[in-house]
């Protein structure tokens, strides 16, 4: 796997550090990290029967990642689904489109109120991309 994440719990929020070899993989890492917060057992052993197309446009790559994850969170809450996979179709600096795949869940173990812009940043690494985000819990 060419991406990863770390979660750093803090009072009333969780800081997420993401890294990936490619820009599209950064979005996959973000989806997996969000799923880990919502439901730590993830989609393991569950059929990925829930599908949702997502397309987001934003003024820059940082806003794009925040807005994208906000959409994923919204769809998770509305559809009672845990999205664990993102299949990108088009990813540019200000536009992302693809399909989310996930499983049904009865509820989440951790509620997320919002994906915030506070301290959010997408940046280049020597080999790939990195990002920092904060989610309000």
Protein backbone atom coordinates (compact mmCIF):
# COMPACT_ATOMS: atom_id res chain seq x y z
CA UNK A 1 0.00 0.00 0.00
CA UNK A 2 1.40 3.37 -0.98
CA UNK A 3 -0.38 5.56 1.55
CA UNK A 4 -0.89 5.91 5.28
CA UNK A 5 -2.20 7.98 8.13
CA UNK A 6 -1.82 8.69 11.85
CA UNK A 7 -4.55 9.84 14.23
CA UNK A 8 -3.69 12.15 17.13
CA UNK A 9 -6.63 12.48 19.58
CA UNK A 10 -6.95 15.78 21.40
CA UNK A 11 -9.70 17.36 23.50
CA UNK A 12 -12.77 17.82 21.26
CA UNK A 13 -10.88 17.07 18.06
CA UNK A 14 -8.67 14.57 16.28
CA UNK A 15 -5.68 15.61 14.22
CA UNK A 16 -4.99 13.52 11.13
CA UNK A 17 -1.62 13.26 9.38
CA UNK A 18 -1.78 11.76 5.89
CA UNK A 19 0.87 10.75 3.39
CA UNK A 20 0.80 9.10 -0.03
CA UNK A 21 2.97 8.53 -3.06
CA UNK A 22 0.42 10.15 -5.38
CA UNK A 23 -2.19 12.88 -5.06
CA UNK A 24 -5.11 10.45 -5.73
CA UNK A 25 -3.80 8.09 -3.03
CA UNK A 26 -3.94 10.98 -0.55
CA UNK A 27 -7.74 10.93 -0.94
CA UNK A 28 -7.83 7.16 -0.36
CA UNK A 29 -5.74 7.63 2.80
CA UNK A 30 -8.18 10.31 3.98
CA UNK A 31 -11.18 8.02 3.43
CA UNK A 32 -9.52 5.18 5.37
CA UNK A 33 -8.55 7.53 8.23
CA UNK A 34 -12.10 8.91 8.46
CA UNK A 35 -13.48 5.36 8.56
CA UNK A 36 -11.03 4.44 11.33
CA UNK A 37 -12.30 7.32 13.46
CA UNK A 38 -15.98 6.59 12.84
CA UNK A 39 -15.81 2.82 13.28
CA UNK A 40 -12.39 1.38 14.24
CA UNK A 41 -13.24 -2.16 13.08
CA UNK A 42 -13.58 -0.76 9.57
CA UNK A 43 -15.11 -2.69 6.71
CA UNK A 44 -13.12 -5.85 7.37
CA UNK A 45 -15.28 -8.92 6.81
CA UNK A 46 -18.22 -6.84 5.59
CA UNK A 47 -19.44 -6.69 2.00
CA UNK A 48 -18.83 -3.34 0.29
CA UNK A 49 -22.40 -3.01 -0.96
CA UNK A 50 -22.84 0.74 -0.55
CA UNK A 51 -21.66 2.82 -3.48
CA UNK A 52 -21.72 6.55 -3.94
CA UNK A 53 -20.34 8.80 -6.66
CA UNK A 54 -18.63 11.94 -5.37
CA UNK A 55 -17.43 15.01 -7.27
CA UNK A 56 -16.01 18.09 -5.56
CA UNK A 57 -14.53 21.34 -6.86
CA UNK A 58 -12.58 23.75 -4.65
CA UNK A 59 -10.21 26.73 -5.07
CA UNK A 60 -7.07 24.81 -4.00
CA UNK A 61 -5.84 21.37 -2.97
CA UNK A 62 -6.29 21.94 0.77
CA UNK A 63 -9.90 23.11 0.41
CA UNK A 64 -10.47 20.22 -1.99
CA UNK A 65 -9.40 17.62 0.58
CA UNK A 66 -11.46 19.24 3.36
CA UNK A 67 -14.55 19.57 1.16
CA UNK A 68 -14.13 16.02 -0.17
CA UNK A 69 -13.94 14.53 3.34
CA UNK A 70 -16.92 16.66 4.39
CA UNK A 71 -18.90 15.06 1.54
CA UNK A 72 -17.77 11.58 2.59
CA UNK A 73 -18.84 12.31 6.17
CA UNK A 74 -22.23 13.60 4.99
CA UNK A 75 -22.85 10.51 2.85
CA UNK A 76 -21.76 8.27 5.74
CA UNK A 77 -24.28 9.85 8.08
CA UNK A 78 -27.15 9.99 5.59
CA UNK A 79 -26.70 6.44 4.27
CA UNK A 80 -25.60 4.83 7.57
CA UNK A 81 -22.52 3.61 5.75
CA UNK A 82 -18.84 3.34 6.45
CA UNK A 83 -16.87 4.19 3.32
CA UNK A 84 -13.53 2.37 3.26
CA UNK A 85 -12.51 2.66 -0.36
CA UNK A 86 -12.24 5.48 -2.87
CA UNK A 87 -11.80 4.67 -6.56
CA UNK A 88 -10.69 7.91 -8.22
CA UNK A 89 -11.73 8.68 -11.77
CA UNK A 90 -10.28 12.19 -12.00
CA UNK A 91 -8.10 13.98 -9.47
CA UNK A 92 -6.63 17.41 -10.12
CA UNK A 93 -5.49 20.20 -7.81
CA UNK A 94 -8.99 21.75 -7.65
CA UNK A 95 -11.27 18.84 -8.67
CA UNK A 96 -11.82 15.28 -7.53
CA UNK A 97 -14.29 12.72 -8.84
CA UNK A 98 -14.68 9.04 -8.14
CA UNK A 99 -16.68 6.32 -6.44
CA UNK A 100 -16.87 5.55 -2.75
CA UNK A 101 -17.45 1.97 -1.63
CA UNK A 102 -18.43 0.93 1.84
CA UNK A 103 -20.51 -1.21 4.14
CA UNK A 104 -23.68 -0.66 6.13
CA UNK A 105 -23.37 0.08 9.85
CA UNK A 106 -26.02 0.57 12.52
CA UNK A 107 -24.13 3.43 14.10
CA UNK A 108 -20.70 4.91 14.59
CA UNK A 109 -18.50 4.46 17.64
CA UNK A 110 -17.24 8.04 17.36
CA UNK A 111 -19.28 10.93 16.04
CA UNK A 112 -17.56 13.52 13.89
CA UNK A 113 -19.23 16.92 13.85
CA UNK A 114 -17.13 18.41 11.04
CA UNK A 115 -13.96 18.28 9.02
CA UNK A 116 -12.42 21.69 9.69
CA UNK A 117 -10.22 24.11 7.77
CA UNK A 118 -8.36 24.95 11.00
CA UNK A 119 -4.66 24.15 10.43
CA UNK A 120 -5.57 22.15 7.30
CA UNK A 121 -2.76 21.83 4.79
CA UNK A 122 -1.87 19.73 1.74
CA UNK A 123 1.82 19.80 0.84
CA UNK A 124 4.44 18.10 -1.32
CA UNK A 125 6.88 15.64 0.18
CA UNK A 126 10.20 14.62 -1.36
CA UNK A 127 8.41 11.54 -2.65
CA UNK A 128 4.69 12.20 -2.77
CA UNK A 129 2.15 14.21 -0.83
CA UNK A 130 1.23 14.92 2.75
CA UNK A 131 -1.68 16.56 4.55
CA UNK A 132 -2.78 17.66 8.00
CA UNK A 133 -6.44 17.90 8.98
CA UNK A 134 -8.47 18.35 12.13
CA UNK A 135 -11.90 16.81 12.67
CA UNK A 136 -14.21 18.16 15.36
CA UNK A 137 -15.65 15.37 17.54
